PDB file of N, CA and C in Angstrom:
ATOM      1  N   GLN A   1     -55.359  85.917 -63.791  1.00  0.00           N
ATOM      2  CA  GLN A   1     -56.682  85.272 -63.071  1.00  0.00           C
ATOM      3  C   GLN A   1     -55.982  84.556 -61.741  1.00  0.00           C
ATOM      4  N   VAL A   2     -56.288  84.858 -60.424  1.00  0.00           N
ATOM      5  CA  VAL A   2     -55.912  84.142 -59.292  1.00  0.00           C
ATOM      6  C   VAL A   2     -56.367  82.696 -59.443  1.00  0.00           C
ATOM      7  N   GLN A   3     -55.135  81.751 -59.097  1.00  0.00           N
ATOM      8  CA  GLN A   3     -55.436  80.367 -59.173  1.00  0.00           C
ATOM      9  C   GLN A   3     -54.942  79.860 -57.962  1.00  0.00           C
ATOM     10  N   LEU A   4     -55.689  78.888 -57.092  1.00  0.00           N
ATOM     11  CA  LEU A   4     -55.194  78.258 -56.032  1.00  0.00           C
ATOM     12  C   LEU A   4     -55.152  76.590 -56.645  1.00  0.00           C
ATOM     13  N   VAL A   5     -54.308  75.965 -56.388  1.00  0.00           N
ATOM     14  CA  VAL A   5     -54.247  74.614 -56.907  1.00  0.00           C
ATOM     15  C   VAL A   5     -53.757  73.680 -55.635  1.00  0.00           C
ATOM     16  N   GLU A   6     -54.629  72.852 -55.302  1.00  0.00           N
ATOM     17  CA  GLU A   6     -54.295  71.827 -54.256  1.00  0.00           C
ATOM     18  C   GLU A   6     -53.828  70.692 -54.932  1.00  0.00           C
ATOM     19  N   SER A   7     -52.875  70.062 -54.323  1.00  0.00           N
ATOM     20  CA  SER A   7     -52.484  68.802 -54.570  1.00  0.00           C
ATOM     21  C   SER A   7     -52.015  67.862 -53.278  1.00  0.00           C
ATOM     22  N   GLY A   8     -51.594  66.652 -53.486  1.00  0.00           N
ATOM     23  CA  GLY A   8     -51.230  65.708 -52.319  1.00  0.00           C
ATOM     24  C   GLY A   8     -52.222  64.789 -51.988  1.00  0.00           C
ATOM     25  N   GLY A   9     -53.552  64.831 -52.331  1.00  0.00           N
ATOM     26  CA  GLY A   9     -54.581  63.813 -52.077  1.00  0.00           C
ATOM     27  C   GLY A   9     -54.156  62.386 -52.425  1.00  0.00           C
ATOM     28  N   GLY A  10     -55.076  61.651 -52.075  1.00  0.00           N
ATOM     29  CA  GLY A  10     -54.926  60.283 -52.574  1.00  0.00           C
ATOM     30  C   GLY A  10     -55.542  59.177 -51.692  1.00  0.00           C
ATOM     31  N   LEU A  11     -55.099  57.949 -52.033  1.00  0.00           N
ATOM     32  CA  LEU A  11     -55.747  56.998 -51.190  1.00  0.00           C
ATOM     33  C   LEU A  11     -54.667  56.393 -50.285  1.00  0.00           C
ATOM     34  N   VAL A  12     -54.914  56.290 -49.048  1.00  0.00           N
ATOM     35  CA  VAL A  12     -54.147  56.141 -47.847  1.00  0.00           C
ATOM     36  C   VAL A  12     -54.739  55.228 -46.694  1.00  0.00           C
ATOM     37  N   GLN A  13     -54.139  54.370 -46.292  1.00  0.00           N
ATOM     38  CA  GLN A  13     -54.749  53.337 -45.377  1.00  0.00           C
ATOM     39  C   GLN A  13     -54.836  54.120 -44.106  1.00  0.00           C
ATOM     40  N   PRO A  14     -55.808  53.492 -43.309  1.00  0.00           N
ATOM     41  CA  PRO A  14     -56.104  54.318 -41.872  1.00  0.00           C
ATOM     42  C   PRO A  14     -54.670  54.113 -41.012  1.00  0.00           C
ATOM     43  N   GLY A  15     -54.525  55.290 -40.326  1.00  0.00           N
ATOM     44  CA  GLY A  15     -53.375  55.367 -39.781  1.00  0.00           C
ATOM     45  C   GLY A  15     -52.317  56.157 -40.457  1.00  0.00           C
ATOM     46  N   GLY A  16     -52.372  56.206 -41.903  1.00  0.00           N
ATOM     47  CA  GLY A  16     -51.389  56.826 -42.729  1.00  0.00           C
ATOM     48  C   GLY A  16     -51.245  58.287 -42.753  1.00  0.00           C
ATOM     49  N   SER A  17     -50.520  58.888 -43.312  1.00  0.00           N
ATOM     50  CA  SER A  17     -50.317  60.356 -43.332  1.00  0.00           C
ATOM     51  C   SER A  17     -50.123  60.763 -45.074  1.00  0.00           C
ATOM     52  N   LEU A  18     -50.837  62.079 -45.084  1.00  0.00           N
ATOM     53  CA  LEU A  18     -50.646  62.689 -46.423  1.00  0.00           C
ATOM     54  C   LEU A  18     -50.058  64.105 -45.996  1.00  0.00           C
ATOM     55  N   ARG A  19     -49.528  64.711 -46.865  1.00  0.00           N
ATOM     56  CA  ARG A  19     -49.579  66.436 -46.871  1.00  0.00           C
ATOM     57  C   ARG A  19     -50.104  66.967 -48.255  1.00  0.00           C
ATOM     58  N   LEU A  20     -51.099  67.614 -47.911  1.00  0.00           N
ATOM     59  CA  LEU A  20     -51.578  68.515 -48.906  1.00  0.00           C
ATOM     60  C   LEU A  20     -50.718  69.723 -49.012  1.00  0.00           C
ATOM     61  N   SER A  21     -50.886  70.255 -50.355  1.00  0.00           N
ATOM     62  CA  SER A  21     -50.275  71.698 -50.545  1.00  0.00           C
ATOM     63  C   SER A  21     -51.387  72.378 -51.306  1.00  0.00           C
ATOM     64  N   CYS A  22     -51.206  73.602 -51.259  1.00  0.00           N
ATOM     65  CA  CYS A  22     -52.170  74.994 -51.832  1.00  0.00           C
ATOM     66  C   CYS A  22     -51.295  75.802 -52.406  1.00  0.00           C
ATOM     67  N   ALA A  23     -51.048  75.697 -53.651  1.00  0.00           N
ATOM     68  CA  ALA A  23     -50.240  76.572 -54.351  1.00  0.00           C
ATOM     69  C   ALA A  23     -50.711  77.666 -54.930  1.00  0.00           C
ATOM     70  N   ALA A  24     -50.321  78.899 -54.777  1.00  0.00           N
ATOM     71  CA  ALA A  24     -51.168  80.010 -55.522  1.00  0.00           C
ATOM     72  C   ALA A  24     -50.353  80.962 -56.681  1.00  0.00           C
ATOM     73  N   SER A  25     -51.183  81.190 -57.577  1.00  0.00           N
ATOM     74  CA  SER A  25     -50.475  81.867 -58.836  1.00  0.00           C
ATOM     75  C   SER A  25     -51.397  83.099 -59.014  1.00  0.00           C
ATOM     76  N   ARG A  26     -50.549  84.308 -59.313  1.00  0.00           N
ATOM     77  CA  ARG A  26     -51.231  85.586 -59.679  1.00  0.00           C
ATOM     78  C   ARG A  26     -51.653  86.186 -58.470  1.00  0.00           C
ATOM     79  N   VAL A  27     -51.244  85.745 -57.308  1.00  0.00           N
ATOM     80  CA  VAL A  27     -51.691  86.202 -55.947  1.00  0.00           C
ATOM     81  C   VAL A  27     -50.493  86.016 -55.006  1.00  0.00           C
ATOM     82  N   THR A  28     -50.281  87.082 -54.015  1.00  0.00           N
ATOM     83  CA  THR A  28     -49.030  86.723 -53.013  1.00  0.00           C
ATOM     84  C   THR A  28     -49.710  86.015 -51.659  1.00  0.00           C
ATOM     85  N   LEU A  29     -49.461  84.981 -51.479  1.00  0.00           N
ATOM     86  CA  LEU A  29     -50.276  84.607 -50.227  1.00  0.00           C
ATOM     87  C   LEU A  29     -49.937  85.260 -48.672  1.00  0.00           C
ATOM     88  N   ASP A  30     -48.859  85.868 -48.838  1.00  0.00           N
ATOM     89  CA  ASP A  30     -48.406  86.510 -47.583  1.00  0.00           C
ATOM     90  C   ASP A  30     -49.460  87.304 -47.022  1.00  0.00           C
ATOM     91  N   TYR A  31     -50.258  88.005 -47.873  1.00  0.00           N
ATOM     92  CA  TYR A  31     -51.367  88.769 -47.342  1.00  0.00           C
ATOM     93  C   TYR A  31     -52.704  88.145 -46.928  1.00  0.00           C
ATOM     94  N   TYR A  32     -52.808  86.863 -47.363  1.00  0.00           N
ATOM     95  CA  TYR A  32     -54.017  86.269 -47.009  1.00  0.00           C
ATOM     96  C   TYR A  32     -54.082  85.336 -45.824  1.00  0.00           C
ATOM     97  N   ALA A  33     -55.143  85.142 -45.194  1.00  0.00           N
ATOM     98  CA  ALA A  33     -55.562  84.239 -44.178  1.00  0.00           C
ATOM     99  C   ALA A  33     -55.768  82.818 -45.065  1.00  0.00           C
ATOM    100  N   ILE A  34     -55.497  81.628 -44.902  1.00  0.00           N
ATOM    101  CA  ILE A  34     -55.728  80.459 -45.890  1.00  0.00           C
ATOM    102  C   ILE A  34     -56.281  79.663 -44.742  1.00  0.00           C
ATOM    103  N   GLY A  35     -57.545  78.976 -45.507  1.00  0.00           N
ATOM    104  CA  GLY A  35     -58.106  78.072 -44.772  1.00  0.00           C
ATOM    105  C   GLY A  35     -57.967  76.617 -45.393  1.00  0.00           C
ATOM    106  N   TRP A  36     -58.123  75.566 -44.878  1.00  0.00           N
ATOM    107  CA  TRP A  36     -58.525  74.374 -45.441  1.00  0.00           C
ATOM    108  C   TRP A  36     -59.707  73.937 -45.076  1.00  0.00           C
ATOM    109  N   PHE A  37     -60.558  73.614 -45.942  1.00  0.00           N
ATOM    110  CA  PHE A  37     -61.984  73.056 -45.562  1.00  0.00           C
ATOM    111  C   PHE A  37     -62.065  71.576 -46.416  1.00  0.00           C
ATOM    112  N   ARG A  38     -63.011  70.866 -45.954  1.00  0.00           N
ATOM    113  CA  ARG A  38     -63.441  69.544 -46.571  1.00  0.00           C
ATOM    114  C   ARG A  38     -64.722  69.310 -46.763  1.00  0.00           C
ATOM    115  N   GLN A  39     -65.152  68.567 -47.896  1.00  0.00           N
ATOM    116  CA  GLN A  39     -66.458  68.179 -47.957  1.00  0.00           C
ATOM    117  C   GLN A  39     -66.678  66.616 -48.110  1.00  0.00           C
ATOM    118  N   ALA A  40     -67.321  65.887 -47.592  1.00  0.00           N
ATOM    119  CA  ALA A  40     -67.553  64.579 -47.639  1.00  0.00           C
ATOM    120  C   ALA A  40     -68.696  64.310 -48.378  1.00  0.00           C
ATOM    121  N   PRO A  41     -69.057  63.029 -49.089  1.00  0.00           N
ATOM    122  CA  PRO A  41     -70.268  62.825 -49.990  1.00  0.00           C
ATOM    123  C   PRO A  41     -71.389  63.125 -48.923  1.00  0.00           C
ATOM    124  N   GLY A  42     -72.474  63.939 -49.450  1.00  0.00           N
ATOM    125  CA  GLY A  42     -73.530  63.932 -48.724  1.00  0.00           C
ATOM    126  C   GLY A  42     -73.482  64.822 -47.411  1.00  0.00           C
ATOM    127  N   LYS A  43     -72.522  65.462 -47.307  1.00  0.00           N
ATOM    128  CA  LYS A  43     -72.246  66.294 -45.977  1.00  0.00           C
ATOM    129  C   LYS A  43     -71.816  67.767 -46.860  1.00  0.00           C
ATOM    130  N   GLU A  44     -72.147  68.742 -45.619  1.00  0.00           N
ATOM    131  CA  GLU A  44     -71.710  69.924 -45.948  1.00  0.00           C
ATOM    132  C   GLU A  44     -70.182  70.346 -45.832  1.00  0.00           C
ATOM    133  N   ARG A  45     -69.856  71.367 -46.475  1.00  0.00           N
ATOM    134  CA  ARG A  45     -68.366  71.628 -46.457  1.00  0.00           C
ATOM    135  C   ARG A  45     -68.132  71.955 -45.041  1.00  0.00           C
ATOM    136  N   GLU A  46     -66.948  71.551 -44.528  1.00  0.00           N
ATOM    137  CA  GLU A  46     -66.839  72.096 -43.135  1.00  0.00           C
ATOM    138  C   GLU A  46     -65.186  72.598 -42.980  1.00  0.00           C
ATOM    139  N   GLY A  47     -65.088  73.430 -42.104  1.00  0.00           N
ATOM    140  CA  GLY A  47     -63.531  74.199 -41.699  1.00  0.00           C
ATOM    141  C   GLY A  47     -62.897  72.960 -41.105  1.00  0.00           C
ATOM    142  N   VAL A  48     -61.536  72.888 -41.461  1.00  0.00           N
ATOM    143  CA  VAL A  48     -60.641  71.909 -41.077  1.00  0.00           C
ATOM    144  C   VAL A  48     -59.746  72.672 -40.290  1.00  0.00           C
ATOM    145  N   SER A  49     -58.956  73.676 -40.802  1.00  0.00           N
ATOM    146  CA  SER A  49     -57.956  74.543 -40.199  1.00  0.00           C
ATOM    147  C   SER A  49     -57.701  75.614 -40.942  1.00  0.00           C
ATOM    148  N   CYS A  50     -56.884  76.705 -40.213  1.00  0.00           N
ATOM    149  CA  CYS A  50     -56.787  78.003 -40.895  1.00  0.00           C
ATOM    150  C   CYS A  50     -55.370  78.598 -40.342  1.00  0.00           C
ATOM    151  N   ILE A  51     -54.712  79.460 -41.215  1.00  0.00           N
ATOM    152  CA  ILE A  51     -53.464  80.036 -40.575  1.00  0.00           C
ATOM    153  C   ILE A  51     -53.527  81.505 -40.908  1.00  0.00           C
ATOM    154  N   SER A  52     -53.263  82.345 -40.138  1.00  0.00           N
ATOM    155  CA  SER A  52     -53.300  83.677 -40.239  1.00  0.00           C
ATOM    156  C   SER A  52     -51.855  84.369 -40.905  1.00  0.00           C
ATOM    157  N   THR A  53     -51.948  85.594 -41.268  1.00  0.00           N
ATOM    158  CA  THR A  53     -50.849  85.924 -41.894  1.00  0.00           C
ATOM    159  C   THR A  53     -49.615  86.192 -41.092  1.00  0.00           C
ATOM    160  N   ASP A  54     -49.891  85.845 -39.754  1.00  0.00           N
ATOM    161  CA  ASP A  54     -48.546  86.069 -38.952  1.00  0.00           C
ATOM    162  C   ASP A  54     -48.152  84.443 -38.356  1.00  0.00           C
ATOM    163  N   GLY A  55     -48.929  83.711 -39.100  1.00  0.00           N
ATOM    164  CA  GLY A  55     -48.397  82.272 -38.913  1.00  0.00           C
ATOM    165  C   GLY A  55     -49.439  81.586 -37.602  1.00  0.00           C
ATOM    166  N   SER A  56     -50.296  82.409 -36.951  1.00  0.00           N
ATOM    167  CA  SER A  56     -51.359  81.690 -35.954  1.00  0.00           C
ATOM    168  C   SER A  56     -51.836  80.655 -36.701  1.00  0.00           C
ATOM    169  N   ALA A  57     -52.322  79.571 -36.142  1.00  0.00           N
ATOM    170  CA  ALA A  57     -53.081  78.254 -36.614  1.00  0.00           C
ATOM    171  C   ALA A  57     -54.180  78.099 -35.864  1.00  0.00           C
ATOM    172  N   TYR A  58     -55.086  77.528 -36.400  1.00  0.00           N
ATOM    173  CA  TYR A  58     -56.604  77.156 -35.653  1.00  0.00           C
ATOM    174  C   TYR A  58     -56.735  76.045 -36.334  1.00  0.00           C
ATOM    175  N   TYR A  59     -57.325  75.250 -35.470  1.00  0.00           N
ATOM    176  CA  TYR A  59     -57.841  73.879 -35.917  1.00  0.00           C
ATOM    177  C   TYR A  59     -59.426  73.455 -35.492  1.00  0.00           C
ATOM    178  N   ALA A  60     -60.087  72.599 -36.136  1.00  0.00           N
ATOM    179  CA  ALA A  60     -61.266  72.172 -35.675  1.00  0.00           C
ATOM    180  C   ALA A  60     -60.996  71.251 -34.490  1.00  0.00           C
ATOM    181  N   ASP A  61     -61.704  71.309 -33.509  1.00  0.00           N
ATOM    182  CA  ASP A  61     -61.454  70.626 -32.215  1.00  0.00           C
ATOM    183  C   ASP A  61     -61.225  69.343 -32.394  1.00  0.00           C
ATOM    184  N   SER A  62     -62.129  68.470 -33.317  1.00  0.00           N
ATOM    185  CA  SER A  62     -62.014  67.113 -33.551  1.00  0.00           C
ATOM    186  C   SER A  62     -60.500  66.587 -34.226  1.00  0.00           C
ATOM    187  N   LEU A  63     -59.953  67.530 -34.880  1.00  0.00           N
ATOM    188  CA  LEU A  63     -58.629  67.344 -35.530  1.00  0.00           C
ATOM    189  C   LEU A  63     -57.424  67.814 -34.932  1.00  0.00           C
ATOM    190  N   LYS A  64     -57.504  68.697 -33.847  1.00  0.00           N
ATOM    191  CA  LYS A  64     -56.300  68.924 -32.951  1.00  0.00           C
ATOM    192  C   LYS A  64     -55.358  67.704 -32.709  1.00  0.00           C
ATOM    193  N   GLY A  65     -54.182  67.862 -32.975  1.00  0.00           N
ATOM    194  CA  GLY A  65     -53.084  66.990 -32.670  1.00  0.00           C
ATOM    195  C   GLY A  65     -52.901  65.872 -33.753  1.00  0.00           C
ATOM    196  N   ARG A  66     -53.583  65.979 -34.787  1.00  0.00           N
ATOM    197  CA  ARG A  66     -53.390  65.171 -36.131  1.00  0.00           C
ATOM    198  C   ARG A  66     -53.316  65.919 -37.228  1.00  0.00           C
ATOM    199  N   PHE A  67     -53.796  66.970 -37.513  1.00  0.00           N
ATOM    200  CA  PHE A  67     -53.399  67.842 -38.338  1.00  0.00           C
ATOM    201  C   PHE A  67     -52.645  69.132 -38.103  1.00  0.00           C
ATOM    202  N   THR A  68     -51.640  69.394 -39.048  1.00  0.00           N
ATOM    203  CA  THR A  68     -50.834  70.720 -38.832  1.00  0.00           C
ATOM    204  C   THR A  68     -50.817  71.508 -40.248  1.00  0.00           C
ATOM    205  N   ILE A  69     -51.248  72.710 -39.913  1.00  0.00           N
ATOM    206  CA  ILE A  69     -51.197  73.686 -41.162  1.00  0.00           C
ATOM    207  C   ILE A  69     -49.761  74.553 -41.027  1.00  0.00           C
ATOM    208  N   SER A  70     -49.399  74.848 -41.978  1.00  0.00           N
ATOM    209  CA  SER A  70     -47.946  75.718 -42.223  1.00  0.00           C
ATOM    210  C   SER A  70     -47.844  76.561 -43.688  1.00  0.00           C
ATOM    211  N   ARG A  71     -47.262  77.347 -43.400  1.00  0.00           N
ATOM    212  CA  ARG A  71     -47.042  78.249 -44.854  1.00  0.00           C
ATOM    213  C   ARG A  71     -45.641  78.762 -44.951  1.00  0.00           C
ATOM    214  N   ASP A  72     -45.596  78.401 -46.403  1.00  0.00           N
ATOM    215  CA  ASP A  72     -44.076  78.847 -46.865  1.00  0.00           C
ATOM    216  C   ASP A  72     -44.238  80.004 -47.752  1.00  0.00           C
ATOM    217  N   ASN A  73     -44.115  81.361 -47.369  1.00  0.00           N
ATOM    218  CA  ASN A  73     -44.306  82.330 -48.165  1.00  0.00           C
ATOM    219  C   ASN A  73     -43.395  82.464 -49.319  1.00  0.00           C
ATOM    220  N   GLY A  74     -42.180  81.765 -48.994  1.00  0.00           N
ATOM    221  CA  GLY A  74     -41.173  82.002 -50.276  1.00  0.00           C
ATOM    222  C   GLY A  74     -41.460  81.196 -51.386  1.00  0.00           C
ATOM    223  N   LYS A  75     -42.548  79.937 -51.128  1.00  0.00           N
ATOM    224  CA  LYS A  75     -43.083  79.342 -52.396  1.00  0.00           C
ATOM    225  C   LYS A  75     -44.464  79.396 -52.656  1.00  0.00           C
ATOM    226  N   ASN A  76     -45.013  80.602 -51.725  1.00  0.00           N
ATOM    227  CA  ASN A  76     -46.211  80.963 -52.194  1.00  0.00           C
ATOM    228  C   ASN A  76     -47.105  79.756 -52.098  1.00  0.00           C
ATOM    229  N   THR A  77     -47.023  78.869 -50.682  1.00  0.00           N
ATOM    230  CA  THR A  77     -47.678  77.824 -50.812  1.00  0.00           C
ATOM    231  C   THR A  77     -47.956  77.422 -49.211  1.00  0.00           C
ATOM    232  N   VAL A  78     -49.333  76.775 -49.132  1.00  0.00           N
ATOM    233  CA  VAL A  78     -49.596  76.514 -47.634  1.00  0.00           C
ATOM    234  C   VAL A  78     -49.782  75.029 -47.647  1.00  0.00           C
ATOM    235  N   TYR A  79     -49.565  74.536 -46.651  1.00  0.00           N
ATOM    236  CA  TYR A  79     -49.523  72.800 -46.423  1.00  0.00           C
ATOM    237  C   TYR A  79     -50.665  72.499 -45.223  1.00  0.00           C
ATOM    238  N   LEU A  80     -51.079  71.363 -45.440  1.00  0.00           N
ATOM    239  CA  LEU A  80     -51.750  70.626 -44.475  1.00  0.00           C
ATOM    240  C   LEU A  80     -51.140  69.342 -43.978  1.00  0.00           C
ATOM    241  N   GLN A  81     -50.613  69.101 -43.268  1.00  0.00           N
ATOM    242  CA  GLN A  81     -50.007  67.692 -42.849  1.00  0.00           C
ATOM    243  C   GLN A  81     -51.057  66.873 -42.015  1.00  0.00           C
ATOM    244  N   MET A  82     -51.479  65.786 -42.629  1.00  0.00           N
ATOM    245  CA  MET A  82     -52.463  65.130 -42.105  1.00  0.00           C
ATOM    246  C   MET A  82     -52.006  63.774 -41.349  1.00  0.00           C
ATOM    247  N   ASN A  83     -51.869  63.497 -40.265  1.00  0.00           N
ATOM    248  CA  ASN A  83     -51.444  62.239 -39.550  1.00  0.00           C
ATOM    249  C   ASN A  83     -52.467  61.483 -39.058  1.00  0.00           C
ATOM    250  N   SER A  84     -52.247  60.188 -38.792  1.00  0.00           N
ATOM    251  CA  SER A  84     -53.277  59.210 -37.966  1.00  0.00           C
ATOM    252  C   SER A  84     -54.650  59.154 -38.930  1.00  0.00           C
ATOM    253  N   LEU A  85     -54.536  59.375 -39.871  1.00  0.00           N
ATOM    254  CA  LEU A  85     -55.713  59.399 -40.691  1.00  0.00           C
ATOM    255  C   LEU A  85     -56.649  58.486 -40.558  1.00  0.00           C
ATOM    256  N   LYS A  86     -58.073  58.640 -40.626  1.00  0.00           N
ATOM    257  CA  LYS A  86     -59.096  57.870 -40.396  1.00  0.00           C
ATOM    258  C   LYS A  86     -60.193  57.899 -41.448  1.00  0.00           C
ATOM    259  N   PRO A  87     -60.763  56.831 -41.630  1.00  0.00           N
ATOM    260  CA  PRO A  87     -61.763  56.746 -42.784  1.00  0.00           C
ATOM    261  C   PRO A  87     -62.792  57.939 -42.754  1.00  0.00           C
ATOM    262  N   GLU A  88     -63.028  58.357 -41.483  1.00  0.00           N
ATOM    263  CA  GLU A  88     -63.979  59.558 -41.740  1.00  0.00           C
ATOM    264  C   GLU A  88     -63.430  60.922 -42.163  1.00  0.00           C
ATOM    265  N   ASP A  89     -62.211  60.721 -42.201  1.00  0.00           N
ATOM    266  CA  ASP A  89     -61.504  62.026 -42.977  1.00  0.00           C
ATOM    267  C   ASP A  89     -61.455  61.909 -44.541  1.00  0.00           C
ATOM    268  N   THR A  90     -62.117  60.934 -45.001  1.00  0.00           N
ATOM    269  CA  THR A  90     -62.473  60.857 -46.534  1.00  0.00           C
ATOM    270  C   THR A  90     -63.173  62.073 -46.914  1.00  0.00           C
ATOM    271  N   ALA A  91     -62.849  62.949 -47.597  1.00  0.00           N
ATOM    272  CA  ALA A  91     -63.460  64.052 -48.370  1.00  0.00           C
ATOM    273  C   ALA A  91     -62.762  64.775 -49.321  1.00  0.00           C
ATOM    274  N   VAL A  92     -63.505  65.520 -50.232  1.00  0.00           N
ATOM    275  CA  VAL A  92     -62.632  66.419 -50.929  1.00  0.00           C
ATOM    276  C   VAL A  92     -61.962  67.433 -50.139  1.00  0.00           C
ATOM    277  N   TYR A  93     -60.836  68.122 -50.407  1.00  0.00           N
ATOM    278  CA  TYR A  93     -60.331  69.079 -49.487  1.00  0.00           C
ATOM    279  C   TYR A  93     -59.967  70.405 -50.354  1.00  0.00           C
ATOM    280  N   TYR A  94     -60.460  71.354 -49.796  1.00  0.00           N
ATOM    281  CA  TYR A  94     -60.132  72.721 -50.540  1.00  0.00           C
ATOM    282  C   TYR A  94     -59.351  73.745 -49.766  1.00  0.00           C
ATOM    283  N   CYS A  95     -58.664  74.501 -50.303  1.00  0.00           N
ATOM    284  CA  CYS A  95     -57.893  75.559 -49.699  1.00  0.00           C
ATOM    285  C   CYS A  95     -58.769  76.853 -50.076  1.00  0.00           C
ATOM    286  N   ASN A  96     -58.853  78.040 -49.457  1.00  0.00           N
ATOM    287  CA  ASN A  96     -59.239  79.054 -49.495  1.00  0.00           C
ATOM    288  C   ASN A  96     -58.400  80.139 -49.142  1.00  0.00           C
ATOM    289  N   ALA A  97     -58.221  81.502 -49.756  1.00  0.00           N
ATOM    290  CA  ALA A  97     -57.426  82.415 -49.399  1.00  0.00           C
ATOM    291  C   ALA A  97     -58.406  83.649 -49.335  1.00  0.00           C
ATOM    292  N   GLU A  98     -58.131  84.438 -48.197  1.00  0.00           N
ATOM    293  CA  GLU A  98     -59.024  85.550 -47.980  1.00  0.00           C
ATOM    294  C   GLU A  98     -58.218  86.787 -47.436  1.00  0.00           C
ATOM    295  N   TYR A  99     -58.599  87.990 -48.220  1.00  0.00           N
ATOM    296  CA  TYR A  99     -58.133  89.039 -47.705  1.00  0.00           C
ATOM    297  C   TYR A  99     -59.091  90.338 -48.101  1.00  0.00           C
ATOM    298  N   GLY A 100     -59.546  90.779 -46.918  1.00  0.00           N
ATOM    299  CA  GLY A 100     -60.409  91.899 -47.131  1.00  0.00           C
ATOM    300  C   GLY A 100     -61.877  91.180 -47.834  1.00  0.00           C
ATOM    301  N   SER A 101     -62.159  91.938 -48.867  1.00  0.00           N
ATOM    302  CA  SER A 101     -63.375  91.305 -49.917  1.00  0.00           C
ATOM    303  C   SER A 101     -62.958  90.200 -50.757  1.00  0.00           C
ATOM    304  N   SER A 102     -61.671  89.911 -51.040  1.00  0.00           N
ATOM    305  CA  SER A 102     -61.276  88.975 -51.827  1.00  0.00           C
ATOM    306  C   SER A 102     -61.394  87.812 -51.217  1.00  0.00           C
ATOM    307  N   SER A 103     -61.705  86.709 -52.046  1.00  0.00           N
ATOM    308  CA  SER A 103     -61.713  85.268 -51.735  1.00  0.00           C
ATOM    309  C   SER A 103     -61.506  84.269 -52.578  1.00  0.00           C
ATOM    310  N   TYR A 104     -60.656  83.334 -52.622  1.00  0.00           N
ATOM    311  CA  TYR A 104     -60.571  82.534 -53.928  1.00  0.00           C
ATOM    312  C   TYR A 104     -60.363  81.147 -53.173  1.00  0.00           C
ATOM    313  N   TRP A 105     -60.888  80.276 -54.170  1.00  0.00           N
ATOM    314  CA  TRP A 105     -61.056  78.882 -53.750  1.00  0.00           C
ATOM    315  C   TRP A 105     -60.242  77.740 -54.792  1.00  0.00           C
ATOM    316  N   GLY A 106     -59.591  76.884 -54.156  1.00  0.00           N
ATOM    317  CA  GLY A 106     -59.093  75.935 -55.351  1.00  0.00           C
ATOM    318  C   GLY A 106     -60.139  74.830 -55.696  1.00  0.00           C
ATOM    319  N   GLN A 107     -59.764  74.136 -56.503  1.00  0.00           N
ATOM    320  CA  GLN A 107     -60.926  73.151 -57.162  1.00  0.00           C
ATOM    321  C   GLN A 107     -60.717  71.743 -56.385  1.00  0.00           C
ATOM    322  N   GLY A 108     -60.095  71.549 -55.404  1.00  0.00           N
ATOM    323  CA  GLY A 108     -60.048  70.418 -54.247  1.00  0.00           C
ATOM    324  C   GLY A 108     -59.307  69.415 -54.809  1.00  0.00           C
ATOM    325  N   THR A 109     -58.880  68.466 -53.777  1.00  0.00           N
ATOM    326  CA  THR A 109     -58.082  67.455 -53.964  1.00  0.00           C
ATOM    327  C   THR A 109     -58.871  66.345 -53.009  1.00  0.00           C
ATOM    328  N   GLN A 110     -58.694  64.888 -53.666  1.00  0.00           N
ATOM    329  CA  GLN A 110     -59.736  63.910 -52.936  1.00  0.00           C
ATOM    330  C   GLN A 110     -58.601  63.348 -52.021  1.00  0.00           C
ATOM    331  N   VAL A 111     -59.266  63.018 -50.930  1.00  0.00           N
ATOM    332  CA  VAL A 111     -58.392  62.211 -49.807  1.00  0.00           C
ATOM    333  C   VAL A 111     -59.217  60.916 -49.703  1.00  0.00           C
ATOM    334  N   THR A 112     -58.793  60.023 -49.743  1.00  0.00           N
ATOM    335  CA  THR A 112     -59.806  58.729 -49.409  1.00  0.00           C
ATOM    336  C   THR A 112     -58.752  57.930 -48.462  1.00  0.00           C
ATOM    337  N   VAL A 113     -59.327  57.742 -47.247  1.00  0.00           N
ATOM    338  CA  VAL A 113     -58.736  56.914 -46.270  1.00  0.00           C
ATOM    339  C   VAL A 113     -59.559  55.552 -46.140  1.00  0.00           C
ATOM    340  N   SER A 114     -58.803  54.384 -46.442  1.00  0.00           N
ATOM    341  CA  SER A 114     -59.457  53.117 -46.906  1.00  0.00           C
ATOM    342  C   SER A 114     -58.486  51.963 -46.692  1.00  0.00           C
ATOM    343  N   SER A 115     -59.007  50.776 -46.209  1.00  0.00           N
ATOM    344  CA  SER A 115     -57.958  49.637 -46.212  1.00  0.00           C
ATOM    345  C   SER A 115     -58.438  48.725 -47.281  1.00  0.00           C
TER     346      SER A 115
END
């Protein structure tokens, strides 16, 4: 069974940084486009960033310059570096892997930005 496991979330003060990881098992992420999404309480899930198989990265306009997505195919892991965090970044962050008709989601990791 394919598994995506997010980690790296936690409580951080405004202006702080976190690096989220999305590690895969039973699937090789090399062939998948990977996306990070987030869902805040009472809000719909929204796209944060995605990275294609060739390493091209895309970001939500509001997050450009603060978040960086990267992939390490050797470790079968995708990362989301988040800097200058704001309280409005508080959400559960999910990773998604897509290839053709296959789509997998992780269970999410909580990020809380608060003083």
